[in-house]
């Protein structure tokens, strides 16, 4: 899925003008994270406020939006801007979630105007979910992956499927402040079974997961100056990710939004250099 480009950026749908500014910074894919998706029309709003970028949710929760709502969204997006909406689907929070995804996709495929397989991705962390992403989607959306796990996911998906990997970013070179900012979203994610199981598969201990250890944060989150963040993102690409979704965690004194997008676009377009060692805790 070359239209995504190598790097994408998560946008705040509540900030007027932000998606257009981030598109102008050079990002070809704009992501709307699931927590921001209080209504599906948010995705149409981003499409309408920008010119060419692919717009993708990460993710649409199937427990909230049924197949009819998603196919109607896709129909309207195709009428307004053909080819610009990529559907990112999650798994329901219930027993046998992958069986439920199969049923959900059956309904998508049975629609009068179905969403083509090449225009949908599945959030996938483990082997069985990656198999489903390979068989019934254009590929997978992962997140909080090490380069080694990215390589394993690529091998499982195969070379002809898209692998998009989400990467949290903190533009702060103070170790304590950066790690504290990174722990804010991970405090919740580390309570969810798909993430817990993924962390364990990647070799993190139960103590790492329970405490969100410095080692876990440093492996899974890109923090520091823009050049260091760019080096981390390039490592994921080199390991097999087709696309890296950058989600910048802002805060007092830390760049976010369009400012962060411009800084990172410059760093990502510069010649790659080996990353410097992480700063030590102050």
C-alpha atoms as a PDB file:
ATOM      1  CA  UNK A   1       0.000   0.000   0.000  1.00  0.00           C
ATOM      2  CA  UNK A   2       2.421   2.618  -1.290  1.00  0.00           C
ATOM      3  CA  UNK A   3      -0.121   5.428  -0.937  1.00  0.00           C
ATOM      4  CA  UNK A   4       0.483   5.478   2.813  1.00  0.00           C
ATOM      5  CA  UNK A   5       4.067   6.640   2.455  1.00  0.00           C
ATOM      6  CA  UNK A   6       6.767   5.559   4.892  1.00  0.00           C
ATOM      7  CA  UNK A   7       5.561   7.682   7.817  1.00  0.00           C
ATOM      8  CA  UNK A   8       2.201   8.949   9.023  1.00  0.00           C
ATOM      9  CA  UNK A   9       1.110  11.256  11.820  1.00  0.00           C
ATOM     10  CA  UNK A  10      -1.744  11.103  14.339  1.00  0.00           C
ATOM     11  CA  UNK A  11      -3.952  14.197  14.282  1.00  0.00           C
ATOM     12  CA  UNK A  12      -6.200  15.878  16.817  1.00  0.00           C
ATOM     13  CA  UNK A  13      -9.595  16.013  15.140  1.00  0.00           C
ATOM     14  CA  UNK A  14     -10.727  18.666  17.616  1.00  0.00           C
ATOM     15  CA  UNK A  15      -8.031  21.165  16.622  1.00  0.00           C
ATOM     16  CA  UNK A  16      -9.258  23.235  13.681  1.00  0.00           C
ATOM     17  CA  UNK A  17      -6.735  23.405  10.878  1.00  0.00           C
ATOM     18  CA  UNK A  18      -4.311  20.884  12.407  1.00  0.00           C
ATOM     19  CA  UNK A  19      -4.772  18.084   9.854  1.00  0.00           C
ATOM     20  CA  UNK A  20      -4.132  20.471   6.952  1.00  0.00           C
ATOM     21  CA  UNK A  21      -0.985  21.841   8.594  1.00  0.00           C
ATOM     22  CA  UNK A  22       0.350  18.349   9.221  1.00  0.00           C
ATOM     23  CA  UNK A  23      -0.390  17.349   5.634  1.00  0.00           C
ATOM     24  CA  UNK A  24       1.534  20.425   4.446  1.00  0.00           C
ATOM     25  CA  UNK A  25       4.461  19.361   6.649  1.00  0.00           C
ATOM     26  CA  UNK A  26       4.823  16.382   4.328  1.00  0.00           C
ATOM     27  CA  UNK A  27       2.900  13.486   5.891  1.00  0.00           C
ATOM     28  CA  UNK A  28       0.918  11.483   3.332  1.00  0.00           C
ATOM     29  CA  UNK A  29      -1.190   9.587   5.886  1.00  0.00           C
ATOM     30  CA  UNK A  30      -3.131  11.143   8.752  1.00  0.00           C
ATOM     31  CA  UNK A  31      -4.255   8.817  11.521  1.00  0.00           C
ATOM     32  CA  UNK A  32      -7.163   9.316  13.916  1.00  0.00           C
ATOM     33  CA  UNK A  33      -6.621   7.286  17.066  1.00  0.00           C
ATOM     34  CA  UNK A  34      -9.585   5.361  18.405  1.00  0.00           C
ATOM     35  CA  UNK A  35      -9.930   7.454  21.545  1.00  0.00           C
ATOM     36  CA  UNK A  36     -10.632  10.489  19.359  1.00  0.00           C
ATOM     37  CA  UNK A  37     -13.282   8.739  17.284  1.00  0.00           C
ATOM     38  CA  UNK A  38     -16.462   9.775  19.068  1.00  0.00           C
ATOM     39  CA  UNK A  39     -18.286   9.669  15.718  1.00  0.00           C
ATOM     40  CA  UNK A  40     -17.326   8.211  12.363  1.00  0.00           C
ATOM     41  CA  UNK A  41     -17.946  11.533  10.622  1.00  0.00           C
ATOM     42  CA  UNK A  42     -14.717  12.745  12.233  1.00  0.00           C
ATOM     43  CA  UNK A  43     -12.907  10.876   9.472  1.00  0.00           C
ATOM     44  CA  UNK A  44     -14.902  12.691   6.799  1.00  0.00           C
ATOM     45  CA  UNK A  45     -14.088  15.985   8.516  1.00  0.00           C
ATOM     46  CA  UNK A  46     -10.365  15.252   8.192  1.00  0.00           C
ATOM     47  CA  UNK A  47     -10.770  14.260   4.544  1.00  0.00           C
ATOM     48  CA  UNK A  48     -12.685  17.454   3.790  1.00  0.00           C
ATOM     49  CA  UNK A  49     -10.121  19.670   5.542  1.00  0.00           C
ATOM     50  CA  UNK A  50      -7.148  18.235   3.638  1.00  0.00           C
ATOM     51  CA  UNK A  51      -6.225  17.782  -0.016  1.00  0.00           C
ATOM     52  CA  UNK A  52      -4.517  14.507  -0.782  1.00  0.00           C
ATOM     53  CA  UNK A  53      -3.583  12.597   2.394  1.00  0.00           C
ATOM     54  CA  UNK A  54      -4.876   9.127   3.138  1.00  0.00           C
ATOM     55  CA  UNK A  55      -7.018   9.237   6.294  1.00  0.00           C
ATOM     56  CA  UNK A  56      -7.045   6.174   8.527  1.00  0.00           C
ATOM     57  CA  UNK A  57      -8.614   5.360  11.898  1.00  0.00           C
ATOM     58  CA  UNK A  58      -6.523   3.455  14.407  1.00  0.00           C
ATOM     59  CA  UNK A  59      -8.935   1.940  15.019  1.00  0.00           C
ATOM     60  CA  UNK A  60     -12.700   1.693  14.447  1.00  0.00           C
ATOM     61  CA  UNK A  61     -13.987  -0.346  17.422  1.00  0.00           C
ATOM     62  CA  UNK A  62     -16.447  -2.996  16.196  1.00  0.00           C
ATOM     63  CA  UNK A  63     -18.170  -3.011  19.581  1.00  0.00           C
ATOM     64  CA  UNK A  64     -19.230   0.599  18.919  1.00  0.00           C
ATOM     65  CA  UNK A  65     -19.814   0.770  15.160  1.00  0.00           C
ATOM     66  CA  UNK A  66     -21.598  -2.006  13.301  1.00  0.00           C
ATOM     67  CA  UNK A  67     -20.744  -3.122   9.746  1.00  0.00           C
ATOM     68  CA  UNK A  68     -23.589  -1.101   8.232  1.00  0.00           C
ATOM     69  CA  UNK A  69     -22.237   2.115   9.768  1.00  0.00           C
ATOM     70  CA  UNK A  70     -18.719   1.403   8.522  1.00  0.00           C
ATOM     71  CA  UNK A  71     -19.802   0.541   4.970  1.00  0.00           C
ATOM     72  CA  UNK A  72     -21.927   3.703   4.872  1.00  0.00           C
ATOM     73  CA  UNK A  73     -18.920   5.743   6.022  1.00  0.00           C
ATOM     74  CA  UNK A  74     -16.803   4.210   3.260  1.00  0.00           C
ATOM     75  CA  UNK A  75     -19.500   4.888   0.661  1.00  0.00           C
ATOM     76  CA  UNK A  76     -19.694   8.562   1.625  1.00  0.00           C
ATOM     77  CA  UNK A  77     -15.913   8.909   1.713  1.00  0.00           C
ATOM     78  CA  UNK A  78     -15.634   7.436  -1.787  1.00  0.00           C
ATOM     79  CA  UNK A  79     -18.215   9.904  -3.075  1.00  0.00           C
ATOM     80  CA  UNK A  80     -16.387  12.845  -1.502  1.00  0.00           C
ATOM     81  CA  UNK A  81     -12.763  11.825  -2.136  1.00  0.00           C
ATOM     82  CA  UNK A  82     -12.211   8.477  -3.865  1.00  0.00           C
ATOM     83  CA  UNK A  83      -9.305   6.436  -2.575  1.00  0.00           C
ATOM     84  CA  UNK A  84      -8.526   8.504   0.506  1.00  0.00           C
ATOM     85  CA  UNK A  85     -10.136   6.517   3.344  1.00  0.00           C
ATOM     86  CA  UNK A  86      -8.360   3.445   4.693  1.00  0.00           C
ATOM     87  CA  UNK A  87     -10.456   1.472   7.187  1.00  0.00           C
ATOM     88  CA  UNK A  88      -8.550   0.339  10.272  1.00  0.00           C
ATOM     89  CA  UNK A  89     -10.579  -2.166  12.283  1.00  0.00           C
ATOM     90  CA  UNK A  90     -10.019  -3.403  15.821  1.00  0.00           C
ATOM     91  CA  UNK A  91     -11.165  -6.576  17.563  1.00  0.00           C
ATOM     92  CA  UNK A  92     -14.213  -6.630  19.846  1.00  0.00           C
ATOM     93  CA  UNK A  93     -13.769  -6.889  23.593  1.00  0.00           C
ATOM     94  CA  UNK A  94     -15.485 -10.245  24.061  1.00  0.00           C
ATOM     95  CA  UNK A  95     -14.749 -13.947  24.139  1.00  0.00           C
ATOM     96  CA  UNK A  96     -13.447 -15.411  20.869  1.00  0.00           C
ATOM     97  CA  UNK A  97     -12.699 -11.974  19.376  1.00  0.00           C
ATOM     98  CA  UNK A  98     -11.145 -13.276  16.160  1.00  0.00           C
ATOM     99  CA  UNK A  99     -14.225 -15.342  15.370  1.00  0.00           C
ATOM    100  CA  UNK A 100     -16.231 -12.166  15.887  1.00  0.00           C
ATOM    101  CA  UNK A 101     -13.958 -10.305  13.455  1.00  0.00           C
ATOM    102  CA  UNK A 102     -14.518 -13.038  10.859  1.00  0.00           C
ATOM    103  CA  UNK A 103     -18.266 -12.537  11.237  1.00  0.00           C
ATOM    104  CA  UNK A 104     -17.922  -8.765  11.059  1.00  0.00           C
ATOM    105  CA  UNK A 105     -15.897  -8.995   7.842  1.00  0.00           C
ATOM    106  CA  UNK A 106     -18.449 -11.415   6.389  1.00  0.00           C
ATOM    107  CA  UNK A 107     -21.027  -8.656   6.842  1.00  0.00           C
ATOM    108  CA  UNK A 108     -18.717  -6.050   5.298  1.00  0.00           C
ATOM    109  CA  UNK A 109     -18.220  -8.312   2.284  1.00  0.00           C
ATOM    110  CA  UNK A 110     -21.957  -8.977   1.937  1.00  0.00           C
ATOM    111  CA  UNK A 111     -22.824  -5.284   1.716  1.00  0.00           C
ATOM    112  CA  UNK A 112     -24.250  -3.885  -1.506  1.00  0.00           C
ATOM    113  CA  UNK A 113     -21.086  -1.813  -1.880  1.00  0.00           C
ATOM    114  CA  UNK A 114     -18.449  -3.763   0.085  1.00  0.00           C
ATOM    115  CA  UNK A 115     -15.186  -2.281   1.314  1.00  0.00           C
ATOM    116  CA  UNK A 116     -12.437  -3.835  -0.824  1.00  0.00           C
ATOM    117  CA  UNK A 117      -9.940  -5.990   1.042  1.00  0.00           C
ATOM    118  CA  UNK A 118      -7.116  -3.744  -0.175  1.00  0.00           C
ATOM    119  CA  UNK A 119      -8.678  -0.800   1.676  1.00  0.00           C
ATOM    120  CA  UNK A 120      -8.861  -2.276   5.160  1.00  0.00           C
ATOM    121  CA  UNK A 121      -6.329  -3.172   7.858  1.00  0.00           C
ATOM    122  CA  UNK A 122      -6.751  -5.093  11.119  1.00  0.00           C
ATOM    123  CA  UNK A 123      -5.185  -4.205  14.459  1.00  0.00           C
ATOM    124  CA  UNK A 124      -3.118  -7.320  15.106  1.00  0.00           C
ATOM    125  CA  UNK A 125      -0.582  -8.202  17.795  1.00  0.00           C
ATOM    126  CA  UNK A 126      -0.379 -11.990  17.996  1.00  0.00           C
ATOM    127  CA  UNK A 127       0.135 -14.773  15.447  1.00  0.00           C
ATOM    128  CA  UNK A 128      -3.537 -15.681  14.969  1.00  0.00           C
ATOM    129  CA  UNK A 129      -4.579 -12.054  14.506  1.00  0.00           C
ATOM    130  CA  UNK A 130      -1.748 -11.549  12.021  1.00  0.00           C
ATOM    131  CA  UNK A 131      -2.967 -14.610  10.113  1.00  0.00           C
ATOM    132  CA  UNK A 132      -6.448 -13.089   9.950  1.00  0.00           C
ATOM    133  CA  UNK A 133      -4.979  -9.760   8.800  1.00  0.00           C
ATOM    134  CA  UNK A 134      -3.120 -11.615   6.055  1.00  0.00           C
ATOM    135  CA  UNK A 135      -6.124 -13.628   4.897  1.00  0.00           C
ATOM    136  CA  UNK A 136      -8.961 -11.103   4.993  1.00  0.00           C
ATOM    137  CA  UNK A 137      -7.349  -7.665   5.090  1.00  0.00           C
ATOM    138  CA  UNK A 138      -4.660  -5.772   3.227  1.00  0.00           C
ATOM    139  CA  UNK A 139      -2.482  -6.230   6.285  1.00  0.00           C
ATOM    140  CA  UNK A 140      -2.069  -5.272   9.909  1.00  0.00           C
ATOM    141  CA  UNK A 141      -1.766  -2.327  12.261  1.00  0.00           C
ATOM    142  CA  UNK A 142       0.564  -3.085  15.160  1.00  0.00           C
ATOM    143  CA  UNK A 143       1.876  -0.927  17.942  1.00  0.00           C
ATOM    144  CA  UNK A 144       4.426  -0.872  20.733  1.00  0.00           C
ATOM    145  CA  UNK A 145       6.649  -3.275  18.794  1.00  0.00           C
ATOM    146  CA  UNK A 146      10.396  -3.725  19.051  1.00  0.00           C
ATOM    147  CA  UNK A 147      12.291  -4.004  15.762  1.00  0.00           C
ATOM    148  CA  UNK A 148      12.693  -7.746  16.383  1.00  0.00           C
ATOM    149  CA  UNK A 149       8.958  -8.223  16.865  1.00  0.00           C
ATOM    150  CA  UNK A 150       8.293  -6.082  13.804  1.00  0.00           C
ATOM    151  CA  UNK A 151      10.470  -8.490  11.814  1.00  0.00           C
ATOM    152  CA  UNK A 152       8.522 -11.461  13.199  1.00  0.00           C
ATOM    153  CA  UNK A 153       5.204  -9.813  12.305  1.00  0.00           C
ATOM    154  CA  UNK A 154       6.461  -9.152   8.799  1.00  0.00           C
ATOM    155  CA  UNK A 155       7.440 -12.797   8.387  1.00  0.00           C
ATOM    156  CA  UNK A 156       4.021 -13.940   9.602  1.00  0.00           C
ATOM    157  CA  UNK A 157       2.139 -11.561   7.289  1.00  0.00           C
ATOM    158  CA  UNK A 158       4.226 -12.284   4.227  1.00  0.00           C
ATOM    159  CA  UNK A 159       5.824  -9.883   1.816  1.00  0.00           C
ATOM    160  CA  UNK A 160       2.632  -8.964  -0.047  1.00  0.00           C
ATOM    161  CA  UNK A 161       0.723  -7.540   2.926  1.00  0.00           C
ATOM    162  CA  UNK A 162       0.980  -4.096   4.510  1.00  0.00           C
ATOM    163  CA  UNK A 163       2.426  -3.729   8.007  1.00  0.00           C
ATOM    164  CA  UNK A 164       1.805  -0.392   9.711  1.00  0.00           C
ATOM    165  CA  UNK A 165       3.420   0.000  13.142  1.00  0.00           C
ATOM    166  CA  UNK A 166       2.362   2.644  15.643  1.00  0.00           C
ATOM    167  CA  UNK A 167       5.098   4.468  17.545  1.00  0.00           C
ATOM    168  CA  UNK A 168       4.553   6.770  20.515  1.00  0.00           C
ATOM    169  CA  UNK A 169       6.872   9.784  20.472  1.00  0.00           C
ATOM    170  CA  UNK A 170       7.973  12.163  23.228  1.00  0.00           C
ATOM    171  CA  UNK A 171      10.064  15.104  22.030  1.00  0.00           C
ATOM    172  CA  UNK A 172      11.916  15.588  25.296  1.00  0.00           C
ATOM    173  CA  UNK A 173      15.527  14.682  26.028  1.00  0.00           C
ATOM    174  CA  UNK A 174      15.059  14.626  29.800  1.00  0.00           C
ATOM    175  CA  UNK A 175      14.875  10.896  30.629  1.00  0.00           C
ATOM    176  CA  UNK A 176      12.612  11.156  33.675  1.00  0.00           C
ATOM    177  CA  UNK A 177      10.177  13.571  32.031  1.00  0.00           C
ATOM    178  CA  UNK A 178      10.078  11.649  28.753  1.00  0.00           C
ATOM    179  CA  UNK A 179       9.477   8.291  30.416  1.00  0.00           C
ATOM    180  CA  UNK A 180       6.782   9.778  32.651  1.00  0.00           C
ATOM    181  CA  UNK A 181       4.994  11.145  29.580  1.00  0.00           C
ATOM    182  CA  UNK A 182       5.271   7.777  27.837  1.00  0.00           C
ATOM    183  CA  UNK A 183       3.767   5.963  30.812  1.00  0.00           C
ATOM    184  CA  UNK A 184       0.549   7.996  30.659  1.00  0.00           C
ATOM    185  CA  UNK A 185      -1.051   6.102  27.739  1.00  0.00           C
ATOM    186  CA  UNK A 186       0.730   2.864  28.615  1.00  0.00           C
ATOM    187  CA  UNK A 187      -0.792   2.848  32.113  1.00  0.00           C
ATOM    188  CA  UNK A 188      -4.081   1.932  30.451  1.00  0.00           C
ATOM    189  CA  UNK A 189      -2.816  -0.126  27.513  1.00  0.00           C
ATOM    190  CA  UNK A 190      -0.748  -2.358  29.804  1.00  0.00           C
ATOM    191  CA  UNK A 191      -3.987  -3.544  31.444  1.00  0.00           C
ATOM    192  CA  UNK A 192      -5.410  -4.915  28.169  1.00  0.00           C
ATOM    193  CA  UNK A 193      -4.782  -8.591  27.357  1.00  0.00           C
ATOM    194  CA  UNK A 194      -3.663  -8.047  23.728  1.00  0.00           C
ATOM    195  CA  UNK A 195      -0.945  -5.645  24.863  1.00  0.00           C
ATOM    196  CA  UNK A 196       0.073  -7.705  27.898  1.00  0.00           C
ATOM    197  CA  UNK A 197       0.442 -10.797  25.733  1.00  0.00           C
ATOM    198  CA  UNK A 198       2.348  -8.836  23.105  1.00  0.00           C
ATOM    199  CA  UNK A 199       4.795  -7.489  25.690  1.00  0.00           C
ATOM    200  CA  UNK A 200       5.409 -11.014  26.967  1.00  0.00           C
ATOM    201  CA  UNK A 201       5.989 -12.332  23.441  1.00  0.00           C
ATOM    202  CA  UNK A 202       8.590  -9.609  23.001  1.00  0.00           C
ATOM    203  CA  UNK A 203      10.509 -10.840  26.027  1.00  0.00           C
ATOM    204  CA  UNK A 204       9.432  -8.370  28.688  1.00  0.00           C
ATOM    205  CA  UNK A 205       8.915  -9.763  32.173  1.00  0.00           C
ATOM    206  CA  UNK A 206       5.753  -9.493  34.235  1.00  0.00           C
ATOM    207  CA  UNK A 207       7.600  -6.968  36.395  1.00  0.00           C
ATOM    208  CA  UNK A 208       8.475  -4.895  33.316  1.00  0.00           C
ATOM    209  CA  UNK A 209       4.808  -4.824  32.373  1.00  0.00           C
ATOM    210  CA  UNK A 210       3.491  -4.177  35.884  1.00  0.00           C
ATOM    211  CA  UNK A 211       5.910  -1.319  36.554  1.00  0.00           C
ATOM    212  CA  UNK A 212       6.305  -0.070  32.968  1.00  0.00           C
ATOM    213  CA  UNK A 213      10.027  -0.334  33.508  1.00  0.00           C
ATOM    214  CA  UNK A 214      12.553   2.022  31.974  1.00  0.00           C
ATOM    215  CA  UNK A 215      13.735  -0.856  29.784  1.00  0.00           C
ATOM    216  CA  UNK A 216      10.242  -1.407  28.373  1.00  0.00           C
ATOM    217  CA  UNK A 217       9.695   2.307  27.761  1.00  0.00           C
ATOM    218  CA  UNK A 218      13.066   2.772  26.091  1.00  0.00           C
ATOM    219  CA  UNK A 219      12.497  -0.181  23.747  1.00  0.00           C
ATOM    220  CA  UNK A 220       8.933   0.652  22.734  1.00  0.00           C
ATOM    221  CA  UNK A 221       8.672   4.458  22.812  1.00  0.00           C
ATOM    222  CA  UNK A 222      10.776   6.938  20.832  1.00  0.00           C
ATOM    223  CA  UNK A 223      11.880   9.840  22.981  1.00  0.00           C
ATOM    224  CA  UNK A 224      14.513  12.531  22.791  1.00  0.00           C
ATOM    225  CA  UNK A 225      15.487  14.944  20.030  1.00  0.00           C
ATOM    226  CA  UNK A 226      13.835  14.654  16.586  1.00  0.00           C
ATOM    227  CA  UNK A 227      16.898  12.972  15.060  1.00  0.00           C
ATOM    228  CA  UNK A 228      16.797  10.223  17.689  1.00  0.00           C
ATOM    229  CA  UNK A 229      13.075   9.694  17.134  1.00  0.00           C
ATOM    230  CA  UNK A 230      13.690   9.500  13.385  1.00  0.00           C
ATOM    231  CA  UNK A 231      16.383   6.869  13.951  1.00  0.00           C
ATOM    232  CA  UNK A 232      13.939   4.763  16.017  1.00  0.00           C
ATOM    233  CA  UNK A 233      11.290   5.020  13.291  1.00  0.00           C
ATOM    234  CA  UNK A 234      13.821   4.025  10.643  1.00  0.00           C
ATOM    235  CA  UNK A 235      14.752   0.942  12.680  1.00  0.00           C
ATOM    236  CA  UNK A 236      11.130  -0.218  12.530  1.00  0.00           C
ATOM    237  CA  UNK A 237      11.069   0.350   8.788  1.00  0.00           C
ATOM    238  CA  UNK A 238      14.318  -1.540   8.332  1.00  0.00           C
ATOM    239  CA  UNK A 239      12.868  -4.432  10.363  1.00  0.00           C
ATOM    240  CA  UNK A 240       9.911  -4.809   8.013  1.00  0.00           C
ATOM    241  CA  UNK A 241       7.314  -2.107   8.674  1.00  0.00           C
ATOM    242  CA  UNK A 242       5.964  -0.577   5.468  1.00  0.00           C
ATOM    243  CA  UNK A 243       4.695   2.418   7.401  1.00  0.00           C
ATOM    244  CA  UNK A 244       5.265   3.927  10.852  1.00  0.00           C
ATOM    245  CA  UNK A 245       2.462   5.896  12.509  1.00  0.00           C
ATOM    246  CA  UNK A 246       3.867   8.608  14.780  1.00  0.00           C
ATOM    247  CA  UNK A 247       1.728   9.615  17.765  1.00  0.00           C
ATOM    248  CA  UNK A 248       3.343  12.538  19.565  1.00  0.00           C
ATOM    249  CA  UNK A 249       2.602  12.887  23.273  1.00  0.00           C
ATOM    250  CA  UNK A 250       2.599  16.603  23.992  1.00  0.00           C
ATOM    251  CA  UNK A 251       2.702  18.445  27.275  1.00  0.00           C
ATOM    252  CA  UNK A 252       4.075  21.593  28.893  1.00  0.00           C
ATOM    253  CA  UNK A 253       7.213  22.669  27.063  1.00  0.00           C
ATOM    254  CA  UNK A 254       7.052  19.747  24.595  1.00  0.00           C
ATOM    255  CA  UNK A 255       6.317  20.145  20.873  1.00  0.00           C
ATOM    256  CA  UNK A 256       3.159  18.509  19.588  1.00  0.00           C
ATOM    257  CA  UNK A 257       0.743  18.880  16.691  1.00  0.00           C
ATOM    258  CA  UNK A 258       1.961  20.782  13.618  1.00  0.00           C
ATOM    259  CA  UNK A 259       5.124  21.992  15.353  1.00  0.00           C
ATOM    260  CA  UNK A 260       6.155  18.410  16.109  1.00  0.00           C
ATOM    261  CA  UNK A 261       5.145  17.325  12.603  1.00  0.00           C
ATOM    262  CA  UNK A 262       7.467  19.888  11.038  1.00  0.00           C
ATOM    263  CA  UNK A 263      10.367  18.921  13.305  1.00  0.00           C
ATOM    264  CA  UNK A 264       9.929  15.226  12.599  1.00  0.00           C
ATOM    265  CA  UNK A 265       9.377  15.680   8.865  1.00  0.00           C
ATOM    266  CA  UNK A 266      12.715  17.502   8.686  1.00  0.00           C
ATOM    267  CA  UNK A 267      14.492  14.816  10.725  1.00  0.00           C
ATOM    268  CA  UNK A 268      12.983  11.983   8.691  1.00  0.00           C
ATOM    269  CA  UNK A 269      13.980  13.594   5.406  1.00  0.00           C
ATOM    270  CA  UNK A 270      17.583  14.142   6.517  1.00  0.00           C
ATOM    271  CA  UNK A 271      20.310  11.568   5.792  1.00  0.00           C
ATOM    272  CA  UNK A 272      20.154   8.819   8.388  1.00  0.00           C
ATOM    273  CA  UNK A 273      22.848   8.642  11.028  1.00  0.00           C
ATOM    274  CA  UNK A 274      23.319   6.127  13.854  1.00  0.00           C
ATOM    275  CA  UNK A 275      21.374   7.082  16.964  1.00  0.00           C
ATOM    276  CA  UNK A 276      23.339   8.482  19.865  1.00  0.00           C
ATOM    277  CA  UNK A 277      23.124   6.642  23.192  1.00  0.00           C
ATOM    278  CA  UNK A 278      20.070   7.482  25.267  1.00  0.00           C
ATOM    279  CA  UNK A 279      20.700  10.174  27.878  1.00  0.00           C
ATOM    280  CA  UNK A 280      21.163   8.851  31.390  1.00  0.00           C
ATOM    281  CA  UNK A 281      18.616   9.598  34.069  1.00  0.00           C
ATOM    282  CA  UNK A 282      19.152  13.035  35.522  1.00  0.00           C
END
